[in-house]
Amino acid sequence: MASGRAWIIRQHQAKAGDPALARAELSPHVLRHSRAMHLYEAGVPLPYIRDILGHVELATTDIYARASTEAKRKALEAAYTDIVAGDLPEWNQDPGLLNWLANL
């Protein structure tokens, strides 16, 4: 039997009117994980997220420290500000290259 929270989530999910949302597998755990990831990506330190989630061990909260590709890119760009020249060619304007990539 589903918890009361899960039932409430399903009720609102059904009323949302968005087909993609209607097919999504939502649960209290999914929402909790999503919120933790948003906090982490916003720069909230893991010990604070641990306290918000009520975890005893920081190791439990480490699962949320899986940095997104965007976060990794920003960190690398911040660390190496002048490693990439600003005058790179527009590879996405080369039809031959785009065709070759599409056929991989």
Protein backbone atom coordinates (compact mmCIF):
# COMPACT_ATOMS: atom_id res chain seq x y z
CA MET A 1 0.00 0.00 0.00
CA ALA A 2 1.33 3.43 -0.93
CA SER A 3 2.01 6.06 1.66
CA GLY A 4 -0.21 9.10 2.00
CA ARG A 5 2.48 11.25 0.39
CA ALA A 6 2.68 8.96 -2.64
CA TRP A 7 -1.11 9.07 -3.02
CA ILE A 8 -1.10 12.89 -2.91
CA ILE A 9 1.71 13.04 -5.49
CA ARG A 10 -0.22 10.71 -7.83
CA GLN A 11 -3.37 12.82 -7.47
CA HIS A 12 -1.56 16.03 -8.43
CA GLN A 13 0.38 14.26 -11.16
CA ALA A 14 -2.87 13.09 -12.75
CA LYS A 15 -4.36 16.61 -12.63
CA ALA A 16 -1.29 18.31 -14.12
CA GLY A 17 -2.45 17.78 -17.70
CA ASP A 18 1.10 17.20 -18.97
CA PRO A 19 1.45 13.84 -20.77
CA ALA A 20 5.19 13.64 -20.00
CA LEU A 21 4.53 14.26 -16.32
CA ALA A 22 1.71 11.73 -16.33
CA ARG A 23 4.16 9.05 -17.55
CA ALA A 24 6.92 10.01 -15.12
CA GLU A 25 7.57 7.73 -12.18
CA LEU A 26 7.21 10.14 -9.27
CA SER A 27 7.51 9.22 -5.64
CA PRO A 28 8.45 10.97 -2.43
CA HIS A 29 11.96 9.54 -2.83
CA VAL A 30 12.32 10.91 -6.39
CA LEU A 31 11.25 14.37 -5.22
CA ARG A 32 13.61 14.20 -2.23
CA HIS A 33 16.53 13.15 -4.44
CA SER A 34 15.72 15.87 -6.99
CA ARG A 35 15.63 18.56 -4.30
CA ALA A 36 18.92 17.37 -2.84
CA MET A 37 20.54 17.55 -6.28
CA HIS A 38 19.20 21.07 -6.82
CA LEU A 39 20.63 22.14 -3.48
CA TYR A 40 23.98 20.57 -4.30
CA GLU A 41 24.13 22.16 -7.75
CA ALA A 42 23.27 25.52 -6.17
CA GLY A 43 26.42 25.22 -4.07
CA VAL A 44 24.94 24.11 -0.74
CA PRO A 45 27.65 22.14 1.11
CA LEU A 46 27.00 18.42 1.64
CA PRO A 47 26.95 18.65 5.45
CA TYR A 48 24.03 21.09 5.20
CA ILE A 49 22.20 18.81 2.78
CA ARG A 50 22.86 15.89 5.16
CA ASP A 51 21.21 17.86 7.96
CA ILE A 52 18.25 18.89 5.79
CA LEU A 53 17.67 15.27 4.72
CA GLY A 54 18.16 13.97 8.25
CA HIS A 55 21.00 11.61 7.39
CA VAL A 56 23.26 10.52 10.24
CA GLU A 57 26.33 9.80 8.11
CA LEU A 58 27.75 12.13 5.48
CA ALA A 59 28.54 9.02 3.42
CA THR A 60 24.78 8.52 2.96
CA THR A 61 24.50 12.00 1.48
CA ASP A 62 27.46 11.42 -0.85
CA ILE A 63 25.14 9.81 -3.39
CA TYR A 64 23.84 13.31 -4.13
CA ALA A 65 27.35 14.55 -4.86
CA ARG A 66 27.27 13.14 -8.37
CA ALA A 67 28.01 16.42 -10.10
CA SER A 68 26.18 17.10 -13.30
CA THR A 69 28.04 17.57 -16.55
CA GLU A 70 27.17 21.26 -16.41
CA ALA A 71 28.65 21.60 -12.91
CA LYS A 72 31.82 19.85 -14.04
CA ARG A 73 32.11 22.11 -17.09
CA LYS A 74 31.69 25.25 -14.97
CA ALA A 75 34.29 24.03 -12.46
CA LEU A 76 36.81 23.34 -15.21
CA GLU A 77 36.15 26.67 -16.89
CA ALA A 78 36.64 28.47 -13.58
CA ALA A 79 39.91 26.66 -12.93
CA TYR A 80 41.31 27.12 -16.43
CA THR A 81 40.02 30.48 -17.58
CA ASP A 82 42.41 30.99 -20.51
CA ILE A 83 42.97 27.42 -21.70
CA VAL A 84 40.46 27.60 -24.57
CA ALA A 85 40.84 30.30 -27.17
CA GLY A 86 37.76 32.39 -27.87
CA ASP A 87 38.24 32.17 -31.64
CA LEU A 88 37.38 28.50 -32.13
CA PRO A 89 35.81 27.62 -35.50
CA GLU A 90 32.09 27.07 -35.60
CA TRP A 91 32.10 23.30 -36.07
CA ASN A 92 28.32 23.24 -36.11
CA GLN A 93 28.38 25.32 -39.32
CA ASP A 94 30.31 22.65 -41.28
CA PRO A 95 27.73 20.54 -43.20
CA GLY A 96 30.30 17.86 -44.07
CA LEU A 97 31.31 17.39 -40.43
CA LEU A 98 27.69 17.39 -39.25
CA ASN A 99 26.79 14.76 -41.85
CA TRP A 100 29.77 12.62 -40.84
CA LEU A 101 28.82 12.89 -37.14
CA ALA A 102 25.18 12.05 -37.89
CA ASN A 103 26.27 8.87 -39.65
CA LEU A 104 28.46 7.53 -36.85
